[in-house]
Amino acid sequence: MGKVVLKVGDDVSTDIIYPGRFMATVLPTETPQYAFVDNADFNKKLKANEVPKGSFIIAGQNFGCGSSREQAASCLHGWGLTIVAKHFARIFLQNSINLGLPMLICPTIEADEGDEMEVKGETIRNVTKGKEFAIQPLPKARQAIIDAGGLVPYTRALLIKQAGK
């Protein structure tokens, strides 16, 4: 269970999530400070640790469009956020999977900032509004990578398992 801490519309580009002027910063430990930096109020809340891990960002269509910068997914992952979007841009989706960023594709999602949300299996429930929405599941292989914490931990576990046989 978590709260919606930010609601954005359609076509939110990676430049909005992680502006290009910070591309010199690539370490996952440093990128979170620049998440939505041009949204001063939200960025300030993140930096002040006023946004609990497990909080939700709700987005419309084509979230993460634009450049292929991995830092856009990395900076959100660093805050422990879950992204719920009606649709994700292809490259952002794959970068998010590779980094283990929790994300849900929910074409019919209805939520506002402050709403309490709860994920149950293949549905997400807006507790505040008393509505439930179907999640479009990712392919099992992609979900396994997210569940493992990203591609590196997934591959590491796979190699350890194979070496143990």
N, C-alpha and C. Protein backbone atom coordinates (compact mmCIF):
# COMPACT_ATOMS: atom_id res chain seq x y z
N MET A 1 0.85 -1.18 0.00
CA MET A 1 0.00 0.00 0.00
C MET A 1 0.89 1.23 0.00
N GLY A 2 0.51 2.22 -0.77
CA GLY A 2 1.26 3.46 -0.84
C GLY A 2 0.38 4.57 -1.39
N LYS A 3 0.90 5.77 -1.32
CA LYS A 3 0.16 6.94 -1.80
C LYS A 3 0.68 7.38 -3.16
N VAL A 4 -0.20 8.00 -3.92
CA VAL A 4 0.19 8.64 -5.16
C VAL A 4 0.85 9.96 -4.77
N VAL A 5 2.12 10.11 -5.12
CA VAL A 5 2.85 11.31 -4.75
C VAL A 5 3.03 12.28 -5.92
N LEU A 6 2.76 11.77 -7.13
CA LEU A 6 2.87 12.62 -8.31
C LEU A 6 2.00 12.03 -9.41
N LYS A 7 1.25 12.90 -10.08
CA LYS A 7 0.47 12.48 -11.23
C LYS A 7 0.90 13.34 -12.40
N VAL A 8 1.27 12.67 -13.50
CA VAL A 8 1.69 13.38 -14.71
C VAL A 8 0.83 12.88 -15.87
N GLY A 9 0.87 13.60 -16.96
CA GLY A 9 0.04 13.27 -18.11
C GLY A 9 0.75 12.38 -19.12
N ASP A 10 0.39 12.57 -20.37
CA ASP A 10 0.95 11.80 -21.48
C ASP A 10 2.29 12.39 -21.92
N ASP A 11 3.08 11.54 -22.58
CA ASP A 11 4.32 11.95 -23.24
C ASP A 11 5.32 12.64 -22.31
N VAL A 12 5.49 12.10 -21.12
CA VAL A 12 6.50 12.62 -20.19
C VAL A 12 7.84 12.07 -20.65
N SER A 13 8.70 12.96 -21.10
CA SER A 13 9.97 12.53 -21.68
C SER A 13 11.03 12.28 -20.62
N THR A 14 12.06 11.58 -21.03
CA THR A 14 13.18 11.33 -20.12
C THR A 14 13.85 12.64 -19.72
N ASP A 15 13.72 13.67 -20.55
CA ASP A 15 14.30 14.97 -20.20
C ASP A 15 13.54 15.64 -19.06
N ILE A 16 12.29 15.31 -18.89
CA ILE A 16 11.51 15.81 -17.75
C ILE A 16 11.86 15.00 -16.50
N ILE A 17 12.00 13.69 -16.68
CA ILE A 17 12.33 12.82 -15.55
C ILE A 17 13.75 13.07 -15.06
N TYR A 18 14.69 13.14 -16.00
CA TYR A 18 16.11 13.34 -15.69
C TYR A 18 16.72 14.24 -16.77
N PRO A 19 16.74 15.55 -16.55
CA PRO A 19 17.20 16.48 -17.58
C PRO A 19 18.61 16.20 -18.10
N GLY A 20 18.77 16.41 -19.40
CA GLY A 20 20.03 16.14 -20.09
C GLY A 20 21.21 16.91 -19.53
N ARG A 21 20.97 18.03 -18.90
CA ARG A 21 22.09 18.82 -18.37
C ARG A 21 22.82 18.11 -17.23
N PHE A 22 22.24 17.01 -16.72
CA PHE A 22 22.88 16.24 -15.65
C PHE A 22 23.48 14.93 -16.14
N MET A 23 23.64 14.80 -17.46
CA MET A 23 24.12 13.54 -18.03
C MET A 23 25.53 13.17 -17.57
N ALA A 24 26.29 14.10 -17.07
CA ALA A 24 27.63 13.77 -16.56
C ALA A 24 27.55 12.94 -15.29
N THR A 25 26.40 12.96 -14.64
CA THR A 25 26.18 12.17 -13.43
C THR A 25 25.50 10.87 -13.83
N VAL A 26 26.21 9.76 -13.66
CA VAL A 26 25.66 8.48 -14.10
C VAL A 26 25.57 7.44 -12.98
N LEU A 27 26.19 7.69 -11.85
CA LEU A 27 26.16 6.71 -10.78
C LEU A 27 24.77 6.59 -10.18
N PRO A 28 24.25 5.37 -10.03
CA PRO A 28 22.91 5.20 -9.46
C PRO A 28 22.76 5.78 -8.06
N THR A 29 23.87 5.97 -7.35
CA THR A 29 23.81 6.57 -6.03
C THR A 29 23.66 8.09 -6.11
N GLU A 30 23.97 8.67 -7.27
CA GLU A 30 23.92 10.12 -7.44
C GLU A 30 22.74 10.61 -8.28
N THR A 31 22.23 9.76 -9.17
CA THR A 31 21.17 10.22 -10.08
C THR A 31 19.86 10.58 -9.38
N PRO A 32 19.49 9.94 -8.27
CA PRO A 32 18.19 10.26 -7.67
C PRO A 32 17.98 11.73 -7.33
N GLN A 33 19.03 12.45 -6.99
CA GLN A 33 18.87 13.85 -6.61
C GLN A 33 18.31 14.71 -7.75
N TYR A 34 18.41 14.21 -8.98
CA TYR A 34 17.94 14.99 -10.13
C TYR A 34 16.58 14.52 -10.66
N ALA A 35 15.91 13.62 -9.98
CA ALA A 35 14.60 13.15 -10.42
C ALA A 35 13.61 14.30 -10.45
N PHE A 36 13.02 14.54 -11.60
CA PHE A 36 12.04 15.62 -11.77
C PHE A 36 12.55 16.93 -11.18
N VAL A 37 13.82 17.23 -11.39
CA VAL A 37 14.43 18.40 -10.77
C VAL A 37 13.76 19.71 -11.18
N ASP A 38 13.16 19.76 -12.37
CA ASP A 38 12.49 21.00 -12.79
C ASP A 38 11.09 21.14 -12.20
N ASN A 39 10.61 20.10 -11.53
CA ASN A 39 9.39 20.18 -10.72
C ASN A 39 9.91 20.41 -9.29
N ALA A 40 10.21 21.66 -8.99
CA ALA A 40 10.92 22.01 -7.75
C ALA A 40 10.24 21.48 -6.50
N ASP A 41 8.91 21.56 -6.43
CA ASP A 41 8.20 21.11 -5.23
C ASP A 41 8.37 19.61 -5.02
N PHE A 42 8.17 18.83 -6.08
CA PHE A 42 8.30 17.38 -5.94
C PHE A 42 9.74 16.98 -5.66
N ASN A 43 10.69 17.57 -6.36
CA ASN A 43 12.10 17.24 -6.14
C ASN A 43 12.51 17.58 -4.71
N LYS A 44 12.02 18.68 -4.19
CA LYS A 44 12.33 19.08 -2.81
C LYS A 44 11.80 18.05 -1.82
N LYS A 45 10.58 17.54 -2.06
CA LYS A 45 10.01 16.51 -1.19
C LYS A 45 10.86 15.24 -1.22
N LEU A 46 11.31 14.88 -2.42
CA LEU A 46 12.17 13.69 -2.52
C LEU A 46 13.44 13.88 -1.70
N LYS A 47 14.11 15.00 -1.91
CA LYS A 47 15.39 15.25 -1.23
C LYS A 47 15.23 15.38 0.28
N ALA A 48 14.05 15.82 0.73
CA ALA A 48 13.79 15.96 2.17
C ALA A 48 13.28 14.65 2.77
N ASN A 49 13.29 13.59 1.98
CA ASN A 49 12.80 12.27 2.40
C ASN A 49 11.36 12.31 2.90
N GLU A 50 10.55 13.15 2.25
CA GLU A 50 9.13 13.25 2.58
C GLU A 50 8.28 12.30 1.73
N VAL A 51 8.93 11.54 0.84
CA VAL A 51 8.23 10.60 -0.03
C VAL A 51 8.65 9.19 0.38
N PRO A 52 7.77 8.45 1.02
CA PRO A 52 8.14 7.11 1.48
C PRO A 52 8.37 6.14 0.32
N LYS A 53 9.28 5.21 0.54
CA LYS A 53 9.49 4.14 -0.44
C LYS A 53 8.16 3.41 -0.61
N GLY A 54 7.90 2.97 -1.84
CA GLY A 54 6.63 2.31 -2.12
C GLY A 54 5.54 3.26 -2.57
N SER A 55 5.88 4.55 -2.67
CA SER A 55 4.92 5.53 -3.17
C SER A 55 4.76 5.36 -4.69
N PHE A 56 3.69 5.93 -5.22
CA PHE A 56 3.36 5.75 -6.64
C PHE A 56 3.44 7.06 -7.42
N ILE A 57 3.94 6.95 -8.63
CA ILE A 57 3.79 8.00 -9.64
C ILE A 57 2.79 7.45 -10.64
N ILE A 58 1.77 8.23 -10.97
CA ILE A 58 0.75 7.84 -11.94
C ILE A 58 1.00 8.64 -13.22
N ALA A 59 1.01 7.93 -14.34
CA ALA A 59 1.30 8.57 -15.62
C ALA A 59 0.32 8.12 -16.69
N GLY A 60 0.26 8.90 -17.74
CA GLY A 60 -0.60 8.59 -18.87
C GLY A 60 0.10 7.71 -19.90
N GLN A 61 -0.09 8.04 -21.15
CA GLN A 61 0.49 7.30 -22.26
C GLN A 61 1.94 7.72 -22.51
N ASN A 62 2.76 6.77 -22.97
CA ASN A 62 4.10 7.06 -23.49
C ASN A 62 5.05 7.63 -22.43
N PHE A 63 4.95 7.15 -21.20
CA PHE A 63 5.84 7.62 -20.12
C PHE A 63 7.28 7.20 -20.44
N GLY A 64 8.20 8.15 -20.39
CA GLY A 64 9.61 7.87 -20.63
C GLY A 64 10.02 7.97 -22.08
N CYS A 65 9.23 8.70 -22.88
CA CYS A 65 9.59 8.86 -24.29
C CYS A 65 10.82 9.76 -24.40
N GLY A 66 11.36 9.84 -25.59
CA GLY A 66 12.51 10.71 -25.82
C GLY A 66 13.79 9.92 -25.91
N SER A 67 14.80 10.39 -25.24
CA SER A 67 16.12 9.77 -25.36
C SER A 67 16.17 8.42 -24.66
N SER A 68 17.26 7.73 -24.88
CA SER A 68 17.42 6.39 -24.29
C SER A 68 18.18 6.43 -22.97
N ARG A 69 18.27 7.59 -22.34
CA ARG A 69 19.09 7.70 -21.13
C ARG A 69 18.58 6.80 -20.00
N GLU A 70 19.47 5.95 -19.56
CA GLU A 70 19.18 5.01 -18.47
C GLU A 70 18.97 5.73 -17.15
N GLN A 71 19.55 6.91 -17.00
CA GLN A 71 19.44 7.65 -15.74
C GLN A 71 18.00 8.00 -15.39
N ALA A 72 17.13 8.11 -16.39
CA ALA A 72 15.72 8.42 -16.10
C ALA A 72 15.09 7.32 -15.26
N ALA A 73 15.41 6.07 -15.56
CA ALA A 73 14.90 4.96 -14.74
C ALA A 73 15.68 4.86 -13.44
N SER A 74 16.97 5.07 -13.51
CA SER A 74 17.84 4.96 -12.34
C SER A 74 17.46 5.95 -11.25
N CYS A 75 17.17 7.19 -11.63
CA CYS A 75 16.87 8.21 -10.62
C CYS A 75 15.56 7.90 -9.90
N LEU A 76 14.60 7.29 -10.59
CA LEU A 76 13.34 6.92 -9.94
C LEU A 76 13.52 5.69 -9.05
N HIS A 77 14.30 4.75 -9.53
CA HIS A 77 14.58 3.53 -8.76
C HIS A 77 15.23 3.89 -7.42
N GLY A 78 16.07 4.88 -7.43
CA GLY A 78 16.78 5.29 -6.22
C GLY A 78 15.88 5.76 -5.11
N TRP A 79 14.67 6.17 -5.43
CA TRP A 79 13.71 6.64 -4.42
C TRP A 79 12.73 5.56 -4.01
N GLY A 80 12.81 4.37 -4.62
CA GLY A 80 11.90 3.30 -4.24
C GLY A 80 10.47 3.52 -4.69
N LEU A 81 10.33 4.24 -5.81
CA LEU A 81 9.00 4.55 -6.33
C LEU A 81 8.50 3.44 -7.24
N THR A 82 7.19 3.31 -7.35
CA THR A 82 6.55 2.43 -8.33
C THR A 82 5.85 3.33 -9.33
N ILE A 83 6.10 3.07 -10.60
CA ILE A 83 5.49 3.86 -11.66
C ILE A 83 4.32 3.09 -12.24
N VAL A 84 3.16 3.71 -12.27
CA VAL A 84 1.96 3.13 -12.88
C VAL A 84 1.61 4.02 -14.06
N ALA A 85 1.66 3.44 -15.26
CA ALA A 85 1.36 4.23 -16.46
C ALA A 85 0.40 3.48 -17.35
N LYS A 86 -0.31 4.25 -18.15
CA LYS A 86 -1.21 3.64 -19.14
C LYS A 86 -0.38 2.95 -20.22
N HIS A 87 0.82 3.48 -20.47
CA HIS A 87 1.73 2.92 -21.48
C HIS A 87 3.13 3.49 -21.23
N PHE A 88 4.15 2.67 -21.41
CA PHE A 88 5.54 3.11 -21.28
C PHE A 88 6.20 3.15 -22.66
N ALA A 89 7.07 4.13 -22.86
CA ALA A 89 7.88 4.16 -24.08
C ALA A 89 8.80 2.93 -24.07
N ARG A 90 9.05 2.38 -25.24
CA ARG A 90 9.75 1.10 -25.37
C ARG A 90 11.13 1.08 -24.71
N ILE A 91 11.97 2.05 -24.98
CA ILE A 91 13.32 2.03 -24.43
C ILE A 91 13.31 2.26 -22.93
N PHE A 92 12.46 3.17 -22.46
CA PHE A 92 12.35 3.40 -21.02
C PHE A 92 11.89 2.12 -20.32
N LEU A 93 10.94 1.43 -20.92
CA LEU A 93 10.44 0.18 -20.36
C LEU A 93 11.58 -0.82 -20.18
N GLN A 94 12.39 -0.99 -21.22
CA GLN A 94 13.49 -1.96 -21.12
C GLN A 94 14.55 -1.51 -20.12
N ASN A 95 14.87 -0.21 -20.10
CA ASN A 95 15.83 0.29 -19.10
C ASN A 95 15.32 0.05 -17.69
N SER A 96 14.03 0.26 -17.49
CA SER A 96 13.43 0.06 -16.17
C SER A 96 13.49 -1.40 -15.75
N ILE A 97 13.20 -2.29 -16.67
CA ILE A 97 13.30 -3.72 -16.38
C ILE A 97 14.74 -4.06 -16.00
N ASN A 98 15.68 -3.61 -16.80
CA ASN A 98 17.09 -3.92 -16.55
C ASN A 98 17.57 -3.42 -15.19
N LEU A 99 16.99 -2.32 -14.72
CA LEU A 99 17.40 -1.75 -13.43
C LEU A 99 16.53 -2.23 -12.27
N GLY A 100 15.45 -2.95 -12.58
CA GLY A 100 14.57 -3.45 -11.52
C GLY A 100 13.61 -2.42 -10.97
N LEU A 101 13.30 -1.39 -11.77
CA LEU A 101 12.34 -0.37 -11.33
C LEU A 101 10.94 -0.95 -11.33
N PRO A 102 10.26 -0.95 -10.20
CA PRO A 102 8.88 -1.46 -10.17
C PRO A 102 7.97 -0.58 -11.02
N MET A 103 7.27 -1.20 -11.95
CA MET A 103 6.36 -0.46 -12.82
C MET A 103 5.21 -1.34 -13.21
N LEU A 104 4.08 -0.70 -13.41
CA LEU A 104 2.86 -1.41 -13.75
C LEU A 104 2.23 -0.73 -14.96
N ILE A 105 1.82 -1.53 -15.93
CA ILE A 105 1.09 -1.02 -17.08
C ILE A 105 -0.39 -1.20 -16.77
N CYS A 106 -1.10 -0.09 -16.72
CA CYS A 106 -2.52 -0.12 -16.35
C CYS A 106 -3.27 0.89 -17.24
N PRO A 107 -3.75 0.43 -18.41
CA PRO A 107 -4.37 1.35 -19.37
C PRO A 107 -5.59 2.11 -18.87
N THR A 108 -6.23 1.65 -17.81
CA THR A 108 -7.46 2.30 -17.34
C THR A 108 -7.31 2.99 -15.99
N ILE A 109 -6.08 3.14 -15.50
CA ILE A 109 -5.85 3.68 -14.16
C ILE A 109 -6.52 5.04 -13.97
N GLU A 110 -7.11 5.20 -12.81
CA GLU A 110 -7.70 6.48 -12.39
C GLU A 110 -7.21 6.74 -10.97
N ALA A 111 -6.43 7.79 -10.81
CA ALA A 111 -5.92 8.13 -9.48
C ALA A 111 -5.46 9.57 -9.48
N ASP A 112 -5.48 10.16 -8.31
CA ASP A 112 -5.03 11.53 -8.11
C ASP A 112 -3.98 11.55 -7.01
N GLU A 113 -3.21 12.62 -6.96
CA GLU A 113 -2.22 12.76 -5.90
C GLU A 113 -2.93 12.66 -4.55
N GLY A 114 -2.32 11.89 -3.66
CA GLY A 114 -2.88 11.69 -2.32
C GLY A 114 -3.70 10.43 -2.19
N ASP A 115 -4.13 9.84 -3.31
CA ASP A 115 -4.91 8.60 -3.25
C ASP A 115 -4.06 7.45 -2.72
N GLU A 116 -4.67 6.60 -1.92
CA GLU A 116 -4.01 5.37 -1.43
C GLU A 116 -4.20 4.27 -2.47
N MET A 117 -3.12 3.58 -2.81
CA MET A 117 -3.16 2.53 -3.82
C MET A 117 -2.65 1.22 -3.21
N GLU A 118 -3.19 0.12 -3.72
CA GLU A 118 -2.78 -1.19 -3.26
C GLU A 118 -2.73 -2.14 -4.46
N VAL A 119 -1.60 -2.84 -4.59
CA VAL A 119 -1.44 -3.80 -5.67
C VAL A 119 -1.76 -5.18 -5.13
N LYS A 120 -2.65 -5.87 -5.85
CA LYS A 120 -3.04 -7.24 -5.47
C LYS A 120 -3.04 -8.08 -6.74
N GLY A 121 -2.03 -8.92 -6.88
CA GLY A 121 -1.94 -9.79 -8.05
C GLY A 121 -1.89 -8.98 -9.33
N GLU A 122 -2.88 -9.21 -10.20
CA GLU A 122 -2.91 -8.52 -11.48
C GLU A 122 -3.89 -7.35 -11.49
N THR A 123 -4.13 -6.79 -10.31
CA THR A 123 -4.96 -5.60 -10.21
C THR A 123 -4.31 -4.57 -9.29
N ILE A 124 -4.69 -3.34 -9.50
CA ILE A 124 -4.29 -2.27 -8.60
C ILE A 124 -5.59 -1.61 -8.14
N ARG A 125 -5.67 -1.43 -6.84
CA ARG A 125 -6.89 -0.88 -6.25
C ARG A 125 -6.62 0.52 -5.76
N ASN A 126 -7.47 1.43 -6.18
CA ASN A 126 -7.46 2.78 -5.64
C ASN A 126 -8.36 2.73 -4.41
N VAL A 127 -7.73 2.59 -3.26
CA VAL A 127 -8.46 2.45 -2.00
C VAL A 127 -9.29 3.70 -1.72
N THR A 128 -8.75 4.85 -2.02
CA THR A 128 -9.44 6.12 -1.77
C THR A 128 -10.74 6.22 -2.57
N LYS A 129 -10.69 5.84 -3.82
CA LYS A 129 -11.86 5.95 -4.70
C LYS A 129 -12.71 4.68 -4.73
N GLY A 130 -12.20 3.60 -4.12
CA GLY A 130 -12.94 2.35 -4.10
C GLY A 130 -13.06 1.70 -5.47
N LYS A 131 -12.04 1.86 -6.31
CA LYS A 131 -12.07 1.30 -7.66
C LYS A 131 -10.87 0.38 -7.86
N GLU A 132 -11.05 -0.61 -8.72
CA GLU A 132 -9.99 -1.58 -9.02
C GLU A 132 -9.74 -1.59 -10.53
N PHE A 133 -8.46 -1.73 -10.91
CA PHE A 133 -8.08 -1.67 -12.31
C PHE A 133 -7.16 -2.84 -12.66
N ALA A 134 -7.36 -3.39 -13.83
CA ALA A 134 -6.55 -4.52 -14.29
C ALA A 134 -5.16 -4.03 -14.72
N ILE A 135 -4.16 -4.78 -14.30
CA ILE A 135 -2.78 -4.53 -14.70
C ILE A 135 -2.48 -5.41 -15.91
N GLN A 136 -1.82 -4.84 -16.90
CA GLN A 136 -1.39 -5.61 -18.06
C GLN A 136 -0.04 -6.25 -17.67
N PRO A 137 -0.03 -7.56 -17.44
CA PRO A 137 1.21 -8.17 -16.95
C PRO A 137 2.32 -8.15 -18.00
N LEU A 138 3.54 -8.02 -17.50
CA LEU A 138 4.71 -8.14 -18.36
C LEU A 138 4.94 -9.61 -18.65
N PRO A 139 5.66 -9.94 -19.71
CA PRO A 139 6.05 -11.34 -19.91
C PRO A 139 6.81 -11.85 -18.69
N LYS A 140 6.64 -13.12 -18.38
CA LYS A 140 7.22 -13.70 -17.16
C LYS A 140 8.73 -13.47 -17.06
N ALA A 141 9.45 -13.59 -18.17
CA ALA A 141 10.90 -13.40 -18.14
C ALA A 141 11.27 -11.97 -17.74
N ARG A 142 10.53 -11.00 -18.24
CA ARG A 142 10.80 -9.60 -17.89
C ARG A 142 10.43 -9.33 -16.42
N GLN A 143 9.32 -9.88 -15.97
CA GLN A 143 8.91 -9.69 -14.58
C GLN A 143 9.91 -10.33 -13.63
N ALA A 144 10.48 -11.46 -14.02
CA ALA A 144 11.48 -12.14 -13.19
C ALA A 144 12.71 -11.26 -13.00
N ILE A 145 13.07 -10.51 -14.01
CA ILE A 145 14.23 -9.60 -13.91
C ILE A 145 13.92 -8.49 -12.92
N ILE A 146 12.72 -7.89 -13.01
CA ILE A 146 12.32 -6.84 -12.06
C ILE A 146 12.30 -7.40 -10.64
N ASP A 147 11.69 -8.58 -10.48
CA ASP A 147 11.57 -9.19 -9.15
C ASP A 147 12.93 -9.49 -8.54
N ALA A 148 13.92 -9.76 -9.38
CA ALA A 148 15.28 -10.05 -8.89
C ALA A 148 16.04 -8.78 -8.52
N GLY A 149 15.49 -7.62 -8.89
CA GLY A 149 16.17 -6.36 -8.59
C GLY A 149 16.90 -5.79 -9.78
N GLY A 150 16.73 -6.40 -10.95
CA GLY A 150 17.38 -5.91 -12.16
C GLY A 150 18.13 -7.01 -12.88
N LEU A 151 18.68 -6.66 -14.04
CA LEU A 151 19.34 -7.64 -14.89
C LEU A 151 20.62 -8.20 -14.26
N VAL A 152 21.39 -7.36 -13.60
CA VAL A 152 22.64 -7.83 -12.99
C VAL A 152 22.36 -8.83 -11.86
N PRO A 153 21.49 -8.49 -10.89
CA PRO A 153 21.19 -9.48 -9.85
C PRO A 153 20.53 -10.75 -10.41
N TYR A 154 19.69 -10.59 -11.42
CA TYR A 154 19.03 -11.74 -12.04
C TYR A 154 20.07 -12.67 -12.66
N THR A 155 20.98 -12.10 -13.42
CA THR A 155 22.02 -12.90 -14.09
C THR A 155 22.96 -13.54 -13.07
N ARG A 156 23.31 -12.78 -12.04
CA ARG A 156 24.18 -13.31 -10.99
C ARG A 156 23.54 -14.53 -10.33
N ALA A 157 22.28 -14.42 -9.98
CA ALA A 157 21.56 -15.55 -9.35
C ALA A 157 21.47 -16.74 -10.29
N LEU A 158 21.24 -16.48 -11.55
CA LEU A 158 21.16 -17.54 -12.55
C LEU A 158 22.50 -18.27 -12.67
N LEU A 159 23.59 -17.50 -12.71
CA LEU A 159 24.92 -18.10 -12.83
C LEU A 159 25.28 -18.91 -11.58
N ILE A 160 24.93 -18.40 -10.42
CA ILE A 160 25.19 -19.13 -9.16
C ILE A 160 24.40 -20.43 -9.14
N LYS A 161 23.15 -20.36 -9.57
CA LYS A 161 22.32 -21.54 -9.61
C LYS A 161 22.90 -22.58 -10.58
N GLN A 162 23.34 -22.14 -11.73
CA GLN A 162 23.92 -23.03 -12.72
C GLN A 162 25.24 -23.65 -12.24
N ALA A 163 26.03 -22.88 -11.52
CA ALA A 163 27.31 -23.37 -11.01
C ALA A 163 27.10 -24.39 -9.92
N GLY A 164 25.97 -24.30 -9.20
CA GLY A 164 25.67 -25.21 -8.12
C GLY A 164 25.17 -26.57 -8.58
N LYS A 165 24.87 -26.71 -9.85
CA LYS A 165 24.35 -27.99 -10.37
C LYS A 165 25.45 -28.96 -10.65
